[in-house]
């Protein structure tokens, strides 16, 4: 089995009395799309900066590619798109991309050819000779993404990569990330939008207040926290209300009129709920054991308060 591309081992980072990351561990397998998830201020960016050796942990360590060397030492093998975007805005787009690729060791001719290829792919070919400052914010973000992948990194780290993009460009970026993953690139990206991670990730680590809430393969996380969430569509009636209000069966019910989302009471089963509905004469149109969303898992495990961090250092 190949060594993990990233291992974060019990890292802690403090700023004075504030603990931004607390005893955090995670493992990013080779070839995975790995999501570092949590609300703003949870510690995601601090963790990524420690992986990149921009800052260093107070305790614990980071191991990259199974061996020795820091994020700075191995930067030629890593593509890093930071949360804080920035380009040399007076440079022409093509010249800028060539310059940044050369810094990573790509020969000029190769850099030029690859830059033109990526600009064409992301719909920016006609802007290649314009100054970066002439581009819209979304276009600039795509240029910065190109600069991140131009040298063909083995590990791609993206900090809130979809922030500020319109839906069309979000989809373009998602498709690009998926294609790179299929070709063997290991991808670690952070986001506070659970729906994005749910569509892209093989494995996740959810953090809140700098600490791990849950981690592991996405399918395993959903399996561990699923099975208690039901969706019921039925004709409105007092009998339906009675079943939804039975706290021996249902701990919580969000009734939207045409359908209801239920949480099973402790010890209750979906079969018992269905039997109660039928026994009480409820006309059931739909009855489904639903897979929990990442957003729901996060709220259930971390609580709503975790989505409102007191300090946003990360």
Protein backbone atom coordinates (compact mmCIF):
# COMPACT_ATOMS: atom_id res chain seq x y z
CA UNK A 1 0.00 0.00 0.00
CA UNK A 2 1.46 3.40 -0.95
CA UNK A 3 2.31 5.82 1.83
CA UNK A 4 -0.23 8.57 2.56
CA UNK A 5 0.49 11.80 0.73
CA UNK A 6 -0.30 13.89 3.83
CA UNK A 7 -0.18 12.86 7.49
CA UNK A 8 -1.06 15.40 10.15
CA UNK A 9 -0.17 13.92 13.52
CA UNK A 10 -1.64 15.51 16.63
CA UNK A 11 -0.91 19.11 15.66
CA UNK A 12 -1.81 22.03 17.91
CA UNK A 13 -1.44 25.72 17.07
CA UNK A 14 -2.08 28.54 19.53
CA UNK A 15 -2.14 32.31 19.19
CA UNK A 16 -1.78 33.61 22.72
CA UNK A 17 -4.70 32.24 24.71
CA UNK A 18 -6.61 31.22 21.58
CA UNK A 19 -6.23 27.65 20.30
CA UNK A 20 -6.75 27.67 16.54
CA UNK A 21 -6.07 23.93 16.07
CA UNK A 22 -6.14 21.37 18.88
CA UNK A 23 -4.55 17.92 18.66
CA UNK A 24 -5.68 17.47 15.05
CA UNK A 25 -4.81 14.35 13.09
CA UNK A 26 -5.75 13.39 9.56
CA UNK A 27 -4.46 11.19 6.76
CA UNK A 28 -4.84 11.92 3.07
CA UNK A 29 -4.43 8.74 0.96
CA UNK A 30 -2.70 8.83 -2.39
CA UNK A 31 -5.11 9.69 -5.21
CA UNK A 32 -7.96 10.75 -2.91
CA UNK A 33 -10.14 13.83 -3.05
CA UNK A 34 -10.05 14.77 0.63
CA UNK A 35 -12.23 17.45 2.16
CA UNK A 36 -11.17 19.50 5.18
CA UNK A 37 -14.55 20.79 6.24
CA UNK A 38 -15.98 23.14 8.82
CA UNK A 39 -17.39 26.61 9.38
CA UNK A 40 -15.39 29.79 8.89
CA UNK A 41 -12.91 30.10 11.73
CA UNK A 42 -12.81 26.35 12.43
CA UNK A 43 -9.06 26.01 11.83
CA UNK A 44 -9.01 24.85 8.20
CA UNK A 45 -6.67 27.52 6.85
CA UNK A 46 -4.37 27.24 9.87
CA UNK A 47 -4.11 23.49 9.23
CA UNK A 48 -3.31 24.03 5.55
CA UNK A 49 -0.67 26.63 6.40
CA UNK A 50 1.00 24.13 8.72
CA UNK A 51 0.95 21.51 5.95
CA UNK A 52 2.62 24.05 3.65
CA UNK A 53 5.15 25.10 6.34
CA UNK A 54 3.97 28.70 6.14
CA UNK A 55 3.51 28.41 9.89
CA UNK A 56 4.63 25.62 12.22
CA UNK A 57 2.69 23.67 14.85
CA UNK A 58 3.40 24.20 18.52
CA UNK A 59 3.00 20.45 18.99
CA UNK A 60 2.69 17.51 16.63
CA UNK A 61 4.09 17.14 13.13
CA UNK A 62 3.24 17.00 9.44
CA UNK A 63 4.62 14.27 7.15
CA UNK A 64 4.39 14.67 3.37
CA UNK A 65 4.80 11.90 0.78
CA UNK A 66 5.73 9.45 3.53
CA UNK A 67 9.18 10.91 4.10
CA UNK A 68 11.27 13.85 5.14
CA UNK A 69 10.95 17.39 3.94
CA UNK A 70 8.67 20.29 4.71
CA UNK A 71 6.01 21.89 2.54
CA UNK A 72 8.57 24.47 1.47
CA UNK A 73 11.13 21.80 0.54
CA UNK A 74 8.56 19.90 -1.50
CA UNK A 75 6.79 22.85 -3.10
CA UNK A 76 7.74 21.62 -6.59
CA UNK A 77 5.50 18.58 -5.95
CA UNK A 78 2.62 20.63 -4.51
CA UNK A 79 0.13 23.06 -6.00
CA UNK A 80 -1.32 25.47 -3.42
CA UNK A 81 -4.22 27.84 -4.01
CA UNK A 82 -4.51 30.01 -0.88
CA UNK A 83 -7.71 31.51 0.43
CA UNK A 84 -6.24 34.99 -0.06
CA UNK A 85 -6.05 35.37 -3.83
CA UNK A 86 -3.45 37.57 -5.44
CA UNK A 87 -1.88 38.15 -8.86
CA UNK A 88 0.63 40.57 -10.33
CA UNK A 89 -2.15 42.62 -11.85
CA UNK A 90 -0.03 44.69 -14.25
CA UNK A 91 1.45 41.62 -15.94
CA UNK A 92 -0.12 40.07 -19.02
CA UNK A 93 -1.91 36.84 -18.19
CA UNK A 94 0.25 34.57 -20.37
CA UNK A 95 3.51 36.16 -19.18
CA UNK A 96 2.35 35.84 -15.59
CA UNK A 97 1.60 32.14 -15.93
CA UNK A 98 4.92 31.46 -17.63
CA UNK A 99 6.77 33.35 -14.90
CA UNK A 100 5.06 31.43 -12.08
CA UNK A 101 5.63 28.09 -13.82
CA UNK A 102 9.33 28.84 -14.27
CA UNK A 103 9.61 29.47 -10.53
CA UNK A 104 8.42 25.86 -10.08
CA UNK A 105 11.10 24.60 -12.47
CA UNK A 106 9.07 24.30 -15.69
CA UNK A 107 11.10 25.21 -18.83
CA UNK A 108 9.85 28.36 -20.56
CA UNK A 109 8.74 26.66 -23.78
CA UNK A 110 6.86 23.98 -21.86
CA UNK A 111 5.30 26.58 -19.59
CA UNK A 112 4.09 28.61 -22.57
CA UNK A 113 2.51 25.58 -24.26
CA UNK A 114 0.83 24.37 -21.07
CA UNK A 115 -0.39 27.87 -20.18
CA UNK A 116 -2.03 28.27 -23.59
CA UNK A 117 -3.64 24.83 -23.22
CA UNK A 118 -5.09 25.67 -19.80
CA UNK A 119 -6.29 29.11 -20.86
CA UNK A 120 -8.14 27.54 -23.77
CA UNK A 121 -9.59 24.86 -21.52
CA UNK A 122 -10.95 27.33 -18.98
CA UNK A 123 -12.29 29.79 -21.57
CA UNK A 124 -9.61 32.45 -21.15
CA UNK A 125 -7.64 32.15 -24.38
CA UNK A 126 -8.78 35.52 -25.72
CA UNK A 127 -7.57 37.19 -22.51
CA UNK A 128 -4.04 35.77 -22.60
CA UNK A 129 -2.45 39.06 -23.72
CA UNK A 130 -4.51 41.26 -21.40
CA UNK A 131 -3.28 42.46 -18.03
CA UNK A 132 -4.57 40.50 -15.08
CA UNK A 133 -6.10 43.70 -13.77
CA UNK A 134 -8.43 43.77 -16.82
CA UNK A 135 -10.04 40.45 -15.85
CA UNK A 136 -13.12 40.00 -13.70
CA UNK A 137 -12.71 38.53 -10.24
CA UNK A 138 -13.90 35.13 -11.45
CA UNK A 139 -11.46 35.17 -14.35
CA UNK A 140 -8.62 36.12 -12.03
CA UNK A 141 -9.49 33.17 -9.81
CA UNK A 142 -9.30 30.84 -12.78
CA UNK A 143 -5.92 32.30 -13.76
CA UNK A 144 -4.65 31.71 -10.24
CA UNK A 145 -5.94 28.15 -10.38
CA UNK A 146 -4.03 27.61 -13.63
CA UNK A 147 -0.87 28.92 -11.96
CA UNK A 148 -1.43 26.36 -9.19
CA UNK A 149 -1.61 23.34 -11.51
CA UNK A 150 0.67 24.37 -14.38
CA UNK A 151 3.70 22.48 -13.05
CA UNK A 152 1.73 19.21 -12.74
CA UNK A 153 1.67 18.82 -8.94
CA UNK A 154 1.26 15.43 -7.30
CA UNK A 155 -0.64 17.07 -4.43
CA UNK A 156 -3.11 19.89 -5.04
CA UNK A 157 -4.20 21.93 -1.99
CA UNK A 158 -7.14 24.26 -2.53
CA UNK A 159 -8.33 26.59 0.24
CA UNK A 160 -11.98 27.57 -0.39
CA UNK A 161 -11.47 27.13 -4.17
CA UNK A 162 -15.05 27.92 -5.19
CA UNK A 163 -15.44 31.11 -3.18
CA UNK A 164 -16.71 34.01 -5.29
CA UNK A 165 -17.32 31.98 -8.45
CA UNK A 166 -20.67 31.99 -10.25
CA UNK A 167 -22.47 28.62 -10.64
CA UNK A 168 -21.17 28.04 -14.18
CA UNK A 169 -17.54 28.53 -13.18
CA UNK A 170 -18.03 26.49 -10.01
CA UNK A 171 -19.07 23.59 -12.22
CA UNK A 172 -16.08 24.14 -14.53
CA UNK A 173 -13.73 24.02 -11.55
CA UNK A 174 -15.42 20.94 -10.09
CA UNK A 175 -15.12 19.12 -13.41
CA UNK A 176 -11.44 20.05 -13.60
CA UNK A 177 -10.76 18.82 -10.07
CA UNK A 178 -12.52 15.51 -10.79
CA UNK A 179 -10.53 15.00 -14.00
CA UNK A 180 -7.22 15.70 -12.25
CA UNK A 181 -8.14 13.23 -9.53
CA UNK A 182 -8.91 10.55 -12.10
CA UNK A 183 -5.45 11.07 -13.56
CA UNK A 184 -3.83 10.44 -10.16
CA UNK A 185 -3.48 13.84 -8.52
CA UNK A 186 -4.16 13.80 -4.78
CA UNK A 187 -6.45 16.68 -3.84
CA UNK A 188 -6.96 18.27 -0.44
CA UNK A 189 -9.44 21.11 -0.34
CA UNK A 190 -11.12 23.08 2.39
CA UNK A 191 -14.64 24.43 2.34
CA UNK A 192 -17.40 25.48 4.72
CA UNK A 193 -20.03 24.47 2.15
CA UNK A 194 -20.86 20.85 2.90
CA UNK A 195 -22.85 20.31 -0.30
CA UNK A 196 -19.71 20.90 -2.40
CA UNK A 197 -17.71 18.35 -0.46
CA UNK A 198 -20.51 15.80 -0.59
CA UNK A 199 -20.34 15.74 -4.39
CA UNK A 200 -16.55 15.62 -4.68
CA UNK A 201 -14.91 13.89 -1.73
CA UNK A 202 -13.76 10.33 -1.18
CA UNK A 203 -12.85 11.09 2.43
CA UNK A 204 -13.41 13.96 4.84
CA UNK A 205 -12.35 15.50 8.10
CA UNK A 206 -14.89 17.82 9.73
CA UNK A 207 -13.45 20.19 12.31
CA UNK A 208 -15.03 22.73 14.63
CA UNK A 209 -13.26 25.06 17.06
CA UNK A 210 -9.97 23.60 15.82
CA UNK A 211 -10.79 20.01 16.84
CA UNK A 212 -11.88 16.95 14.88
CA UNK A 213 -15.60 16.22 14.86
CA UNK A 214 -15.52 13.25 12.47
CA UNK A 215 -13.15 11.87 9.85
CA UNK A 216 -12.76 8.96 7.48
CA UNK A 217 -14.03 7.75 4.09
CA UNK A 218 -17.24 9.57 3.19
CA UNK A 219 -19.20 6.35 2.75
CA UNK A 220 -18.14 5.15 6.21
CA UNK A 221 -19.04 8.47 7.84
CA UNK A 222 -22.51 8.38 6.31
CA UNK A 223 -22.99 4.74 7.27
CA UNK A 224 -21.99 5.40 10.89
CA UNK A 225 -24.37 8.34 11.18
CA UNK A 226 -27.23 7.16 8.97
CA UNK A 227 -30.28 4.98 9.43
CA UNK A 228 -32.29 7.26 11.73
CA UNK A 229 -33.50 9.80 9.18
CA UNK A 230 -36.79 9.20 7.35
CA UNK A 231 -38.71 11.03 4.65
CA UNK A 232 -42.48 10.49 4.64
CA UNK A 233 -44.94 11.87 2.09
CA UNK A 234 -48.56 11.32 3.06
CA UNK A 235 -51.98 12.92 2.91
CA UNK A 236 -52.51 15.40 5.74
CA UNK A 237 -54.69 14.08 8.55
CA UNK A 238 -54.98 14.04 12.35
CA UNK A 239 -53.76 10.44 12.21
CA UNK A 240 -50.54 11.55 10.51
CA UNK A 241 -50.04 14.28 13.11
CA UNK A 242 -50.55 11.72 15.85
CA UNK A 243 -47.83 9.43 14.50
CA UNK A 244 -45.41 12.34 13.96
CA UNK A 245 -46.07 13.44 17.53
CA UNK A 246 -45.42 10.03 19.07
CA UNK A 247 -42.14 10.54 20.90
CA UNK A 248 -41.71 6.80 21.40
CA UNK A 249 -41.23 6.59 17.63
CA UNK A 250 -40.18 10.05 16.43
CA UNK A 251 -37.78 12.31 18.28
CA UNK A 252 -38.21 15.23 15.86
CA UNK A 253 -40.39 15.94 12.83
CA UNK A 254 -40.03 18.76 10.32
CA UNK A 255 -43.42 18.79 8.61
CA UNK A 256 -43.44 20.72 5.33
CA UNK A 257 -47.02 19.88 4.44
CA UNK A 258 -46.50 17.69 1.39
CA UNK A 259 -43.83 15.67 3.16
CA UNK A 260 -42.08 15.39 6.51
CA UNK A 261 -38.49 14.69 7.57
CA UNK A 262 -38.28 12.57 10.71
CA UNK A 263 -35.65 11.56 13.22
CA UNK A 264 -36.27 8.22 14.87
CA UNK A 265 -36.52 8.13 18.65
CA UNK A 266 -33.84 6.13 20.46
CA UNK A 267 -34.58 2.43 20.03
CA UNK A 268 -37.29 2.95 17.40
CA UNK A 269 -37.07 1.48 13.90
CA UNK A 270 -38.28 2.61 10.51
CA UNK A 271 -40.42 -0.54 10.34
CA UNK A 272 -42.26 0.49 13.52
CA UNK A 273 -43.00 3.95 12.12
CA UNK A 274 -44.35 2.47 8.88
CA UNK A 275 -46.49 -0.01 10.78
CA UNK A 276 -47.92 2.81 12.92
CA UNK A 277 -48.76 4.89 9.85
CA UNK A 278 -50.58 1.99 8.18
CA UNK A 279 -52.34 0.92 11.39
CA UNK A 280 -53.69 4.46 11.86
CA UNK A 281 -55.00 4.60 8.32
CA UNK A 282 -52.53 7.17 6.98
CA UNK A 283 -52.37 7.20 3.16
CA UNK A 284 -48.61 6.94 2.56
CA UNK A 285 -47.29 8.06 -0.84
CA UNK A 286 -43.60 7.84 -0.04
CA UNK A 287 -41.57 6.29 2.76
CA UNK A 288 -37.79 6.43 2.55
CA UNK A 289 -34.80 5.88 4.80
CA UNK A 290 -32.71 8.84 3.70
CA UNK A 291 -28.93 9.13 3.71
CA UNK A 292 -27.93 11.99 6.00
CA UNK A 293 -26.25 15.00 4.40
CA UNK A 294 -22.84 16.16 5.55
CA UNK A 295 -24.46 19.37 6.71
CA UNK A 296 -26.84 17.42 8.92
CA UNK A 297 -24.04 15.20 10.27
CA UNK A 298 -22.04 18.29 11.15
CA UNK A 299 -24.91 20.01 12.94
CA UNK A 300 -25.87 16.80 14.77
CA UNK A 301 -22.34 16.14 16.03
CA UNK A 302 -20.94 19.62 16.54
CA UNK A 303 -24.15 21.51 17.36
CA UNK A 304 -25.32 24.81 15.86
CA UNK A 305 -22.95 26.79 18.11
CA UNK A 306 -19.97 25.36 16.22
CA UNK A 307 -21.04 27.29 13.15
CA UNK A 308 -20.47 30.59 14.99
CA UNK A 309 -16.81 30.63 16.10
CA UNK A 310 -15.84 33.34 18.53
CA UNK A 311 -12.53 34.14 16.85
CA UNK A 312 -11.67 33.75 13.14
CA UNK A 313 -7.89 33.28 13.03
CA UNK A 314 -8.19 30.49 10.48
